[in-house]
Amino acid sequence: MQNDTNMNEEELQKEETENMQTERPAEENNGTNREVEIILELDAKLKAAEVEIADMKDKFIRKSAEFENYKRRTELEQTSLIKYGGELLAMKILPVIDDFDRSQQHVNEATDLQKV
């Protein structure tokens, strides 16, 4: 019922406004027309701003998600670097250690110091 009452009040206000506009002299109607133009212009600007805000909000959400993915990816890379970083060092140094062990065995058996 309140909606019906509000609608009736709105309709009455519109009728009163229309009656007032028709009763005004021509100069006042020009002012009213200018006011209507300004209102329509401001309404168009408001709608454009709302569209721009929605676009920027969407871009912000996407950039935020992209940044979260970047953080997660770099954390995984750092973790794997720490976990497997020693593995690479061991693989490179292991042949050197093996060669050193073999040379030590031959030093004990060798009789010629020049060859060692």
PDB file of N, CA and C in Angstrom:
ATOM      1  N   MET A   1       0.806  -1.180   0.000  1.00  0.00           N
ATOM      2  CA  MET A   1       0.000   0.000   0.000  1.00  0.00           C
ATOM      3  C   MET A   1       0.860   1.259   0.000  1.00  0.00           C
ATOM      4  N   GLN A   2       1.976   1.200   0.671  1.00  0.00           N
ATOM      5  CA  GLN A   2       2.845   2.362   0.706  1.00  0.00           C
ATOM      6  C   GLN A   2       3.359   2.673  -0.689  1.00  0.00           C
ATOM      7  N   ASN A   3       3.630   1.652  -1.469  1.00  0.00           N
ATOM      8  CA  ASN A   3       4.102   1.878  -2.833  1.00  0.00           C
ATOM      9  C   ASN A   3       3.036   2.603  -3.646  1.00  0.00           C
ATOM     10  N   ASP A   4       1.754   2.190  -3.471  1.00  0.00           N
ATOM     11  CA  ASP A   4       0.663   2.856  -4.174  1.00  0.00           C
ATOM     12  C   ASP A   4       0.562   4.303  -3.737  1.00  0.00           C
ATOM     13  N   THR A   5       0.720   4.548  -2.451  1.00  0.00           N
ATOM     14  CA  THR A   5       0.643   5.908  -1.924  1.00  0.00           C
ATOM     15  C   THR A   5       1.799   6.740  -2.454  1.00  0.00           C
ATOM     16  N   ASN A   6       3.010   6.138  -2.446  1.00  0.00           N
ATOM     17  CA  ASN A   6       4.172   6.849  -2.977  1.00  0.00           C
ATOM     18  C   ASN A   6       4.015   7.152  -4.458  1.00  0.00           C
ATOM     19  N   MET A   7       3.475   6.192  -5.214  1.00  0.00           N
ATOM     20  CA  MET A   7       3.271   6.402  -6.643  1.00  0.00           C
ATOM     21  C   MET A   7       2.246   7.502  -6.875  1.00  0.00           C
ATOM     22  N   ASN A   8       1.191   7.492  -6.081  1.00  0.00           N
ATOM     23  CA  ASN A   8       0.172   8.525  -6.230  1.00  0.00           C
ATOM     24  C   ASN A   8       0.750   9.894  -5.903  1.00  0.00           C
ATOM     25  N   GLU A   9       1.556   9.968  -4.867  1.00  0.00           N
ATOM     26  CA  GLU A   9       2.187  11.233  -4.505  1.00  0.00           C
ATOM     27  C   GLU A   9       3.122  11.701  -5.604  1.00  0.00           C
ATOM     28  N   GLU A  10       3.880  10.766  -6.181  1.00  0.00           N
ATOM     29  CA  GLU A  10       4.787  11.120  -7.268  1.00  0.00           C
ATOM     30  C   GLU A  10       4.006  11.622  -8.481  1.00  0.00           C
ATOM     31  N   GLU A  11       2.926  10.946  -8.793  1.00  0.00           N
ATOM     32  CA  GLU A  11       2.102  11.372  -9.931  1.00  0.00           C
ATOM     33  C   GLU A  11       1.534  12.753  -9.684  1.00  0.00           C
ATOM     34  N   LEU A  12       1.093  13.022  -8.461  1.00  0.00           N
ATOM     35  CA  LEU A  12       0.558  14.342  -8.133  1.00  0.00           C
ATOM     36  C   LEU A  12       1.642  15.406  -8.260  1.00  0.00           C
ATOM     37  N   GLN A  13       2.838  15.081  -7.810  1.00  0.00           N
ATOM     38  CA  GLN A  13       3.939  16.040  -7.919  1.00  0.00           C
ATOM     39  C   GLN A  13       4.276  16.315  -9.378  1.00  0.00           C
ATOM     40  N   LYS A  14       4.263  15.281 -10.211  1.00  0.00           N
ATOM     41  CA  LYS A  14       4.526  15.476 -11.633  1.00  0.00           C
ATOM     42  C   LYS A  14       3.469  16.372 -12.266  1.00  0.00           C
ATOM     43  N   GLU A  15       2.230  16.108 -11.919  1.00  0.00           N
ATOM     44  CA  GLU A  15       1.136  16.924 -12.472  1.00  0.00           C
ATOM     45  C   GLU A  15       1.279  18.378 -12.032  1.00  0.00           C
ATOM     46  N   GLU A  16       1.613  18.585 -10.751  1.00  0.00           N
ATOM     47  CA  GLU A  16       1.787  19.939 -10.253  1.00  0.00           C
ATOM     48  C   GLU A  16       2.934  20.628 -10.975  1.00  0.00           C
ATOM     49  N   THR A  17       4.018  19.899 -11.196  1.00  0.00           N
ATOM     50  CA  THR A  17       5.166  20.464 -11.900  1.00  0.00           C
ATOM     51  C   THR A  17       4.786  20.826 -13.325  1.00  0.00           C
ATOM     52  N   GLU A  18       4.071  19.946 -13.995  1.00  0.00           N
ATOM     53  CA  GLU A  18       3.643  20.220 -15.363  1.00  0.00           C
ATOM     54  C   GLU A  18       2.710  21.413 -15.408  1.00  0.00           C
ATOM     55  N   ASN A  19       1.791  21.493 -14.446  1.00  0.00           N
ATOM     56  CA  ASN A  19       0.865  22.624 -14.390  1.00  0.00           C
ATOM     57  C   ASN A  19       1.617  23.926 -14.154  1.00  0.00           C
ATOM     58  N   MET A  20       2.610  23.881 -13.289  1.00  0.00           N
ATOM     59  CA  MET A  20       3.384  25.073 -12.989  1.00  0.00           C
ATOM     60  C   MET A  20       4.172  25.516 -14.211  1.00  0.00           C
ATOM     61  N   GLN A  21       4.677  24.550 -14.966  1.00  0.00           N
ATOM     62  CA  GLN A  21       5.458  24.882 -16.153  1.00  0.00           C
ATOM     63  C   GLN A  21       4.583  25.504 -17.230  1.00  0.00           C
ATOM     64  N   THR A  22       3.379  25.005 -17.364  1.00  0.00           N
ATOM     65  CA  THR A  22       2.492  25.553 -18.389  1.00  0.00           C
ATOM     66  C   THR A  22       1.976  26.923 -17.990  1.00  0.00           C
ATOM     67  N   GLU A  23       1.891  27.198 -16.705  1.00  0.00           N
ATOM     68  CA  GLU A  23       1.411  28.481 -16.231  1.00  0.00           C
ATOM     69  C   GLU A  23       2.510  29.532 -16.233  1.00  0.00           C
ATOM     70  N   ARG A  24       3.779  29.151 -16.339  1.00  0.00           N
ATOM     71  CA  ARG A  24       4.889  30.093 -16.308  1.00  0.00           C
ATOM     72  C   ARG A  24       4.980  30.866 -17.611  1.00  0.00           C
ATOM     73  N   PRO A  25       5.535  32.049 -17.526  1.00  0.00           N
ATOM     74  CA  PRO A  25       5.777  32.803 -18.766  1.00  0.00           C
ATOM     75  C   PRO A  25       6.864  32.127 -19.592  1.00  0.00           C
ATOM     76  N   ALA A  26       7.042  32.528 -20.813  1.00  0.00           N
ATOM     77  CA  ALA A  26       7.985  31.913 -21.747  1.00  0.00           C
ATOM     78  C   ALA A  26       9.412  32.003 -21.228  1.00  0.00           C
ATOM     79  N   GLU A  27       9.775  33.104 -20.582  1.00  0.00           N
ATOM     80  CA  GLU A  27      11.143  33.261 -20.073  1.00  0.00           C
ATOM     81  C   GLU A  27      11.448  32.210 -19.016  1.00  0.00           C
ATOM     82  N   GLU A  28      10.488  31.944 -18.142  1.00  0.00           N
ATOM     83  CA  GLU A  28      10.704  30.951 -17.100  1.00  0.00           C
ATOM     84  C   GLU A  28      10.792  29.555 -17.695  1.00  0.00           C
ATOM     85  N   ASN A  29      10.024  29.263 -18.737  1.00  0.00           N
ATOM     86  CA  ASN A  29      10.098  27.957 -19.388  1.00  0.00           C
ATOM     87  C   ASN A  29      11.473  27.740 -20.014  1.00  0.00           C
ATOM     88  N   ASN A  30      12.082  28.786 -20.555  1.00  0.00           N
ATOM     89  CA  ASN A  30      13.433  28.666 -21.112  1.00  0.00           C
ATOM     90  C   ASN A  30      14.411  28.300 -20.008  1.00  0.00           C
ATOM     91  N   GLY A  31      14.242  28.918 -18.839  1.00  0.00           N
ATOM     92  CA  GLY A  31      15.101  28.586 -17.705  1.00  0.00           C
ATOM     93  C   GLY A  31      14.893  27.154 -17.274  1.00  0.00           C
ATOM     94  N   THR A  32      13.642  26.707 -17.269  1.00  0.00           N
ATOM     95  CA  THR A  32      13.324  25.341 -16.887  1.00  0.00           C
ATOM     96  C   THR A  32      13.894  24.363 -17.905  1.00  0.00           C
ATOM     97  N   ASN A  33      13.805  24.702 -19.179  1.00  0.00           N
ATOM     98  CA  ASN A  33      14.367  23.836 -20.219  1.00  0.00           C
ATOM     99  C   ASN A  33      15.874  23.714 -20.045  1.00  0.00           C
ATOM    100  N   ARG A  34      16.505  24.834 -19.712  1.00  0.00           N
ATOM    101  CA  ARG A  34      17.956  24.804 -19.493  1.00  0.00           C
ATOM    102  C   ARG A  34      18.287  23.921 -18.289  1.00  0.00           C
ATOM    103  N   GLU A  35      17.460  24.012 -17.237  1.00  0.00           N
ATOM    104  CA  GLU A  35      17.668  23.185 -16.057  1.00  0.00           C
ATOM    105  C   GLU A  35      17.525  21.704 -16.408  1.00  0.00           C
ATOM    106  N   VAL A  36      16.544  21.392 -17.233  1.00  0.00           N
ATOM    107  CA  VAL A  36      16.329  20.005 -17.653  1.00  0.00           C
ATOM    108  C   VAL A  36      17.529  19.524 -18.466  1.00  0.00           C
ATOM    109  N   GLU A  37      18.046  20.392 -19.356  1.00  0.00           N
ATOM    110  CA  GLU A  37      19.219  20.034 -20.147  1.00  0.00           C
ATOM    111  C   GLU A  37      20.416  19.762 -19.240  1.00  0.00           C
ATOM    112  N   ILE A  38      20.592  20.619 -18.240  1.00  0.00           N
ATOM    113  CA  ILE A  38      21.707  20.444 -17.308  1.00  0.00           C
ATOM    114  C   ILE A  38      21.556  19.138 -16.547  1.00  0.00           C
ATOM    115  N   ILE A  39      20.344  18.846 -16.104  1.00  0.00           N
ATOM    116  CA  ILE A  39      20.089  17.606 -15.366  1.00  0.00           C
ATOM    117  C   ILE A  39      20.374  16.396 -16.251  1.00  0.00           C
ATOM    118  N   LEU A  40      19.921  16.449 -17.495  1.00  0.00           N
ATOM    119  CA  LEU A  40      20.169  15.332 -18.417  1.00  0.00           C
ATOM    120  C   LEU A  40      21.658  15.178 -18.692  1.00  0.00           C
ATOM    121  N   GLU A  41      22.354  16.298 -18.835  1.00  0.00           N
ATOM    122  CA  GLU A  41      23.796  16.256 -19.064  1.00  0.00           C
ATOM    123  C   GLU A  41      24.516  15.653 -17.860  1.00  0.00           C
ATOM    124  N   LEU A  42      24.127  16.080 -16.666  1.00  0.00           N
ATOM    125  CA  LEU A  42      24.736  15.537 -15.454  1.00  0.00           C
ATOM    126  C   LEU A  42      24.413  14.057 -15.285  1.00  0.00           C
ATOM    127  N   ASP A  43      23.200  13.666 -15.651  1.00  0.00           N
ATOM    128  CA  ASP A  43      22.808  12.261 -15.572  1.00  0.00           C
ATOM    129  C   ASP A  43      23.666  11.419 -16.522  1.00  0.00           C
ATOM    130  N   ALA A  44      23.901  11.939 -17.718  1.00  0.00           N
ATOM    131  CA  ALA A  44      24.742  11.220 -18.683  1.00  0.00           C
ATOM    132  C   ALA A  44      26.169  11.096 -18.150  1.00  0.00           C
ATOM    133  N   LYS A  45      26.689  12.171 -17.548  1.00  0.00           N
ATOM    134  CA  LYS A  45      28.040  12.125 -16.984  1.00  0.00           C
ATOM    135  C   LYS A  45      28.110  11.125 -15.836  1.00  0.00           C
ATOM    136  N   LEU A  46      27.061  11.088 -15.022  1.00  0.00           N
ATOM    137  CA  LEU A  46      27.015  10.147 -13.906  1.00  0.00           C
ATOM    138  C   LEU A  46      27.044   8.712 -14.409  1.00  0.00           C
ATOM    139  N   LYS A  47      26.255   8.429 -15.434  1.00  0.00           N
ATOM    140  CA  LYS A  47      26.236   7.069 -15.984  1.00  0.00           C
ATOM    141  C   LYS A  47      27.590   6.698 -16.578  1.00  0.00           C
ATOM    142  N   ALA A  48      28.233   7.654 -17.261  1.00  0.00           N
ATOM    143  CA  ALA A  48      29.557   7.391 -17.827  1.00  0.00           C
ATOM    144  C   ALA A  48      30.565   7.127 -16.709  1.00  0.00           C
ATOM    145  N   ALA A  49      30.461   7.897 -15.626  1.00  0.00           N
ATOM    146  CA  ALA A  49      31.375   7.698 -14.491  1.00  0.00           C
ATOM    147  C   ALA A  49      31.135   6.337 -13.840  1.00  0.00           C
ATOM    148  N   GLU A  50      29.877   5.926 -13.751  1.00  0.00           N
ATOM    149  CA  GLU A  50      29.566   4.619 -13.167  1.00  0.00           C
ATOM    150  C   GLU A  50      30.142   3.491 -14.017  1.00  0.00           C
ATOM    151  N   VAL A  51      30.057   3.639 -15.337  1.00  0.00           N
ATOM    152  CA  VAL A  51      30.626   2.631 -16.238  1.00  0.00           C
ATOM    153  C   VAL A  51      32.145   2.594 -16.069  1.00  0.00           C
ATOM    154  N   GLU A  52      32.769   3.771 -15.987  1.00  0.00           N
ATOM    155  CA  GLU A  52      34.220   3.835 -15.811  1.00  0.00           C
ATOM    156  C   GLU A  52      34.636   3.217 -14.473  1.00  0.00           C
ATOM    157  N   ILE A  53      33.873   3.473 -13.431  1.00  0.00           N
ATOM    158  CA  ILE A  53      34.164   2.895 -12.115  1.00  0.00           C
ATOM    159  C   ILE A  53      34.063   1.375 -12.176  1.00  0.00           C
ATOM    160  N   ALA A  54      33.026   0.862 -12.825  1.00  0.00           N
ATOM    161  CA  ALA A  54      32.868  -0.585 -12.947  1.00  0.00           C
ATOM    162  C   ALA A  54      34.046  -1.190 -13.715  1.00  0.00           C
ATOM    163  N   ASP A  55      34.482  -0.500 -14.768  1.00  0.00           N
ATOM    164  CA  ASP A  55      35.614  -0.977 -15.557  1.00  0.00           C
ATOM    165  C   ASP A  55      36.891  -0.990 -14.718  1.00  0.00           C
ATOM    166  N   MET A  56      37.119   0.082 -13.985  1.00  0.00           N
ATOM    167  CA  MET A  56      38.311   0.153 -13.145  1.00  0.00           C
ATOM    168  C   MET A  56      38.270  -0.870 -12.017  1.00  0.00           C
ATOM    169  N   LYS A  57      37.080  -1.112 -11.483  1.00  0.00           N
ATOM    170  CA  LYS A  57      36.940  -2.119 -10.428  1.00  0.00           C
ATOM    171  C   LYS A  57      37.294  -3.496 -10.976  1.00  0.00           C
ATOM    172  N   ASP A  58      36.825  -3.785 -12.184  1.00  0.00           N
ATOM    173  CA  ASP A  58      37.135  -5.067 -12.817  1.00  0.00           C
ATOM    174  C   ASP A  58      38.637  -5.200 -13.054  1.00  0.00           C
ATOM    175  N   LYS A  59      39.256  -4.136 -13.549  1.00  0.00           N
ATOM    176  CA  LYS A  59      40.704  -4.167 -13.777  1.00  0.00           C
ATOM    177  C   LYS A  59      41.452  -4.361 -12.464  1.00  0.00           C
ATOM    178  N   PHE A  60      40.992  -3.696 -11.405  1.00  0.00           N
ATOM    179  CA  PHE A  60      41.644  -3.828 -10.104  1.00  0.00           C
ATOM    180  C   PHE A  60      41.566  -5.267  -9.602  1.00  0.00           C
ATOM    181  N   ILE A  61      40.407  -5.875  -9.737  1.00  0.00           N
ATOM    182  CA  ILE A  61      40.230  -7.255  -9.273  1.00  0.00           C
ATOM    183  C   ILE A  61      41.146  -8.187 -10.059  1.00  0.00           C
ATOM    184  N   ARG A  62      41.227  -7.977 -11.367  1.00  0.00           N
ATOM    185  CA  ARG A  62      42.089  -8.826 -12.197  1.00  0.00           C
ATOM    186  C   ARG A  62      43.569  -8.640 -11.845  1.00  0.00           C
ATOM    187  N   LYS A  63      43.986  -7.392 -11.660  1.00  0.00           N
ATOM    188  CA  LYS A  63      45.392  -7.134 -11.299  1.00  0.00           C
ATOM    189  C   LYS A  63      45.712  -7.710  -9.925  1.00  0.00           C
ATOM    190  N   SER A  64      44.762  -7.623  -9.020  1.00  0.00           N
ATOM    191  CA  SER A  64      44.964  -8.177  -7.682  1.00  0.00           C
ATOM    192  C   SER A  64      45.144  -9.695  -7.758  1.00  0.00           C
ATOM    193  N   ALA A  65      44.312 -10.354  -8.537  1.00  0.00           N
ATOM    194  CA  ALA A  65      44.437 -11.812  -8.702  1.00  0.00           C
ATOM    195  C   ALA A  65      45.753 -12.168  -9.393  1.00  0.00           C
ATOM    196  N   GLU A  66      46.121 -11.365 -10.380  1.00  0.00           N
ATOM    197  CA  GLU A  66      47.382 -11.604 -11.092  1.00  0.00           C
ATOM    198  C   GLU A  66      48.573 -11.465 -10.135  1.00  0.00           C
ATOM    199  N   PHE A  67      48.516 -10.477  -9.258  1.00  0.00           N
ATOM    200  CA  PHE A  67      49.598 -10.273  -8.291  1.00  0.00           C
ATOM    201  C   PHE A  67      49.661 -11.427  -7.299  1.00  0.00           C
ATOM    202  N   GLU A  68      48.510 -11.911  -6.853  1.00  0.00           N
ATOM    203  CA  GLU A  68      48.490 -13.058  -5.944  1.00  0.00           C
ATOM    204  C   GLU A  68      49.112 -14.283  -6.607  1.00  0.00           C
ATOM    205  N   ASN A  69      48.799 -14.504  -7.870  1.00  0.00           N
ATOM    206  CA  ASN A  69      49.403 -15.622  -8.604  1.00  0.00           C
ATOM    207  C   ASN A  69      50.914 -15.445  -8.724  1.00  0.00           C
ATOM    208  N   TYR A  70      51.352 -14.224  -8.975  1.00  0.00           N
ATOM    209  CA  TYR A  70      52.784 -13.940  -9.062  1.00  0.00           C
ATOM    210  C   TYR A  70      53.474 -14.246  -7.733  1.00  0.00           C
ATOM    211  N   LYS A  71      52.876 -13.794  -6.629  1.00  0.00           N
ATOM    212  CA  LYS A  71      53.461 -14.068  -5.312  1.00  0.00           C
ATOM    213  C   LYS A  71      53.566 -15.563  -5.056  1.00  0.00           C
ATOM    214  N   ARG A  72      52.513 -16.297  -5.355  1.00  0.00           N
ATOM    215  CA  ARG A  72      52.502 -17.743  -5.142  1.00  0.00           C
ATOM    216  C   ARG A  72      53.570 -18.422  -5.983  1.00  0.00           C
ATOM    217  N   ARG A  73      53.692 -17.988  -7.239  1.00  0.00           N
ATOM    218  CA  ARG A  73      54.671 -18.584  -8.145  1.00  0.00           C
ATOM    219  C   ARG A  73      56.102 -18.309  -7.663  1.00  0.00           C
ATOM    220  N   THR A  74      56.389 -17.093  -7.235  1.00  0.00           N
ATOM    221  CA  THR A  74      57.743 -16.788  -6.762  1.00  0.00           C
ATOM    222  C   THR A  74      58.058 -17.517  -5.464  1.00  0.00           C
ATOM    223  N   GLU A  75      57.070 -17.693  -4.604  1.00  0.00           N
ATOM    224  CA  GLU A  75      57.292 -18.464  -3.378  1.00  0.00           C
ATOM    225  C   GLU A  75      57.636 -19.913  -3.703  1.00  0.00           C
ATOM    226  N   LEU A  76      56.925 -20.492  -4.666  1.00  0.00           N
ATOM    227  CA  LEU A  76      57.231 -21.871  -5.087  1.00  0.00           C
ATOM    228  C   LEU A  76      58.628 -21.965  -5.685  1.00  0.00           C
ATOM    229  N   GLU A  77      59.010 -20.972  -6.477  1.00  0.00           N
ATOM    230  CA  GLU A  77      60.342 -20.976  -7.072  1.00  0.00           C
ATOM    231  C   GLU A  77      61.417 -20.886  -5.998  1.00  0.00           C
ATOM    232  N   GLN A  78      61.199 -20.032  -5.019  1.00  0.00           N
ATOM    233  CA  GLN A  78      62.186 -19.895  -3.934  1.00  0.00           C
ATOM    234  C   GLN A  78      62.287 -21.176  -3.119  1.00  0.00           C
ATOM    235  N   THR A  79      61.146 -21.788  -2.849  1.00  0.00           N
ATOM    236  CA  THR A  79      61.140 -23.036  -2.089  1.00  0.00           C
ATOM    237  C   THR A  79      61.888 -24.123  -2.851  1.00  0.00           C
ATOM    238  N   SER A  80      61.606 -24.253  -4.130  1.00  0.00           N
ATOM    239  CA  SER A  80      62.285 -25.287  -4.909  1.00  0.00           C
ATOM    240  C   SER A  80      63.759 -24.964  -5.072  1.00  0.00           C
ATOM    241  N   LEU A  81      64.119 -23.683  -5.146  1.00  0.00           N
ATOM    242  CA  LEU A  81      65.524 -23.308  -5.245  1.00  0.00           C
ATOM    243  C   LEU A  81      66.265 -23.714  -3.983  1.00  0.00           C
ATOM    244  N   ILE A  82      65.651 -23.482  -2.836  1.00  0.00           N
ATOM    245  CA  ILE A  82      66.270 -23.874  -1.566  1.00  0.00           C
ATOM    246  C   ILE A  82      66.341 -25.395  -1.462  1.00  0.00           C
ATOM    247  N   LYS A  83      65.257 -26.060  -1.870  1.00  0.00           N
ATOM    248  CA  LYS A  83      65.183 -27.515  -1.746  1.00  0.00           C
ATOM    249  C   LYS A  83      66.169 -28.216  -2.676  1.00  0.00           C
ATOM    250  N   TYR A  84      66.244 -27.743  -3.920  1.00  0.00           N
ATOM    251  CA  TYR A  84      67.049 -28.449  -4.913  1.00  0.00           C
ATOM    252  C   TYR A  84      68.344 -27.724  -5.269  1.00  0.00           C
ATOM    253  N   GLY A  85      68.625 -26.587  -4.641  1.00  0.00           N
ATOM    254  CA  GLY A  85      69.848 -25.847  -4.930  1.00  0.00           C
ATOM    255  C   GLY A  85      71.081 -26.635  -4.560  1.00  0.00           C
ATOM    256  N   GLY A  86      71.056 -27.330  -3.449  1.00  0.00           N
ATOM    257  CA  GLY A  86      72.182 -28.164  -3.026  1.00  0.00           C
ATOM    258  C   GLY A  86      72.395 -29.334  -3.946  1.00  0.00           C
ATOM    259  N   GLU A  87      71.339 -29.795  -4.576  1.00  0.00           N
ATOM    260  CA  GLU A  87      71.435 -30.931  -5.488  1.00  0.00           C
ATOM    261  C   GLU A  87      72.324 -30.588  -6.677  1.00  0.00           C
ATOM    262  N   LEU A  88      72.156 -29.419  -7.217  1.00  0.00           N
ATOM    263  CA  LEU A  88      72.971 -29.003  -8.355  1.00  0.00           C
ATOM    264  C   LEU A  88      74.444 -28.897  -7.958  1.00  0.00           C
ATOM    265  N   LEU A  89      74.709 -28.333  -6.797  1.00  0.00           N
ATOM    266  CA  LEU A  89      76.083 -28.231  -6.307  1.00  0.00           C
ATOM    267  C   LEU A  89      76.695 -29.619  -6.125  1.00  0.00           C
ATOM    268  N   ALA A  90      75.923 -30.531  -5.528  1.00  0.00           N
ATOM    269  CA  ALA A  90      76.427 -31.891  -5.305  1.00  0.00           C
ATOM    270  C   ALA A  90      76.723 -32.584  -6.630  1.00  0.00           C
ATOM    271  N   MET A  91      75.879 -32.389  -7.619  1.00  0.00           N
ATOM    272  CA  MET A  91      76.094 -33.033  -8.916  1.00  0.00           C
ATOM    273  C   MET A  91      77.365 -32.503  -9.583  1.00  0.00           C
ATOM    274  N   LYS A  92      77.670 -31.242  -9.387  1.00  0.00           N
ATOM    275  CA  LYS A  92      78.866 -30.678 -10.012  1.00  0.00           C
ATOM    276  C   LYS A  92      80.134 -31.037  -9.245  1.00  0.00           C
ATOM    277  N   ILE A  93      80.046 -31.141  -7.936  1.00  0.00           N
ATOM    278  CA  ILE A  93      81.243 -31.386  -7.129  1.00  0.00           C
ATOM    279  C   ILE A  93      81.547 -32.880  -6.966  1.00  0.00           C
ATOM    280  N   LEU A  94      80.561 -33.745  -7.150  1.00  0.00           N
ATOM    281  CA  LEU A  94      80.739 -35.179  -6.970  1.00  0.00           C
ATOM    282  C   LEU A  94      81.823 -35.768  -7.877  1.00  0.00           C
ATOM    283  N   PRO A  95      81.864 -35.467  -9.162  1.00  0.00           N
ATOM    284  CA  PRO A  95      82.952 -36.016  -9.990  1.00  0.00           C
ATOM    285  C   PRO A  95      84.337 -35.557  -9.512  1.00  0.00           C
ATOM    286  N   VAL A  96      84.433 -34.331  -9.031  1.00  0.00           N
ATOM    287  CA  VAL A  96      85.726 -33.836  -8.543  1.00  0.00           C
ATOM    288  C   VAL A  96      86.153 -34.628  -7.316  1.00  0.00           C
ATOM    289  N   ILE A  97      85.223 -34.892  -6.416  1.00  0.00           N
ATOM    290  CA  ILE A  97      85.521 -35.662  -5.201  1.00  0.00           C
ATOM    291  C   ILE A  97      85.925 -37.090  -5.569  1.00  0.00           C
ATOM    292  N   ASP A  98      85.227 -37.698  -6.525  1.00  0.00           N
ATOM    293  CA  ASP A  98      85.580 -39.054  -6.974  1.00  0.00           C
ATOM    294  C   ASP A  98      87.004 -39.081  -7.549  1.00  0.00           C
ATOM    295  N   ASP A  99      87.309 -38.098  -8.389  1.00  0.00           N
ATOM    296  CA  ASP A  99      88.665 -38.034  -8.958  1.00  0.00           C
ATOM    297  C   ASP A  99      89.702 -37.850  -7.859  1.00  0.00           C
ATOM    298  N   PHE A 100      89.416 -37.037  -6.881  1.00  0.00           N
ATOM    299  CA  PHE A 100      90.340 -36.809  -5.775  1.00  0.00           C
ATOM    300  C   PHE A 100      90.560 -38.095  -4.982  1.00  0.00           C
ATOM    301  N   ASP A 101      89.490 -38.855  -4.715  1.00  0.00           N
ATOM    302  CA  ASP A 101      89.615 -40.128  -3.996  1.00  0.00           C
ATOM    303  C   ASP A 101      90.481 -41.117  -4.776  1.00  0.00           C
ATOM    304  N   ARG A 102      90.258 -41.214  -6.070  1.00  0.00           N
ATOM    305  CA  ARG A 102      91.061 -42.134  -6.897  1.00  0.00           C
ATOM    306  C   ARG A 102      92.524 -41.716  -6.903  1.00  0.00           C
ATOM    307  N   SER A 103      92.770 -40.424  -6.966  1.00  0.00           N
ATOM    308  CA  SER A 103      94.166 -39.964  -6.977  1.00  0.00           C
ATOM    309  C   SER A 103      94.833 -40.236  -5.632  1.00  0.00           C
ATOM    310  N   GLN A 104      94.098 -40.165  -4.530  1.00  0.00           N
ATOM    311  CA  GLN A 104      94.666 -40.481  -3.217  1.00  0.00           C
ATOM    312  C   GLN A 104      95.063 -41.955  -3.140  1.00  0.00           C
ATOM    313  N   GLN A 105      94.232 -42.815  -3.719  1.00  0.00           N
ATOM    314  CA  GLN A 105      94.555 -44.239  -3.711  1.00  0.00           C
ATOM    315  C   GLN A 105      95.843 -44.491  -4.495  1.00  0.00           C
ATOM    316  N   HIS A 106      95.998 -43.808  -5.584  1.00  0.00           N
ATOM    317  CA  HIS A 106      97.194 -44.011  -6.397  1.00  0.00           C
ATOM    318  C   HIS A 106      98.433 -43.381  -5.769  1.00  0.00           C
ATOM    319  N   VAL A 107      98.262 -42.374  -4.958  1.00  0.00           N
ATOM    320  CA  VAL A 107      99.402 -41.737  -4.292  1.00  0.00           C
ATOM    321  C   VAL A 107     100.029 -42.725  -3.315  1.00  0.00           C
ATOM    322  N   ASN A 108      99.217 -43.464  -2.602  1.00  0.00           N
ATOM    323  CA  ASN A 108      99.731 -44.436  -1.637  1.00  0.00           C
ATOM    324  C   ASN A 108     100.475 -45.575  -2.347  1.00  0.00           C
ATOM    325  N   GLU A 109     100.029 -45.922  -3.523  1.00  0.00           N
ATOM    326  CA  GLU A 109     100.647 -47.028  -4.247  1.00  0.00           C
ATOM    327  C   GLU A 109     101.809 -46.571  -5.142  1.00  0.00           C
ATOM    328  N   ALA A 110     101.846 -45.313  -5.498  1.00  0.00           N
ATOM    329  CA  ALA A 110     102.834 -44.818  -6.459  1.00  0.00           C
ATOM    330  C   ALA A 110     104.231 -44.762  -5.845  1.00  0.00           C
ATOM    331  N   THR A 111     105.221 -45.078  -6.694  1.00  0.00           N
ATOM    332  CA  THR A 111     106.609 -45.003  -6.269  1.00  0.00           C
ATOM    333  C   THR A 111     107.316 -43.816  -6.899  1.00  0.00           C
ATOM    334  N   ASP A 112     106.777 -43.324  -7.980  1.00  0.00           N
ATOM    335  CA  ASP A 112     107.383 -42.194  -8.681  1.00  0.00           C
ATOM    336  C   ASP A 112     106.604 -40.922  -8.356  1.00  0.00           C
ATOM    337  N   LEU A 113     107.261 -39.989  -7.678  1.00  0.00           N
ATOM    338  CA  LEU A 113     106.598 -38.743  -7.273  1.00  0.00           C
ATOM    339  C   LEU A 113     106.310 -37.840  -8.471  1.00  0.00           C
ATOM    340  N   GLN A 114     107.045 -37.938  -9.526  1.00  0.00           N
ATOM    341  CA  GLN A 114     106.812 -37.129 -10.722  1.00  0.00           C
ATOM    342  C   GLN A 114     105.462 -37.459 -11.358  1.00  0.00           C
ATOM    343  N   LYS A 115     105.094 -38.686 -11.356  1.00  0.00           N
ATOM    344  CA  LYS A 115     103.819 -39.095 -11.945  1.00  0.00           C
ATOM    345  C   LYS A 115     102.632 -38.649 -11.102  1.00  0.00           C
ATOM    346  N   VAL A 116     102.853 -38.622  -9.794  1.00  0.00           N
ATOM    347  CA  VAL A 116     101.769 -38.204  -8.906  1.00  0.00           C
ATOM    348  C   VAL A 116     101.551 -36.739  -9.098  1.00  0.00           C
TER     349      VAL A 116
END
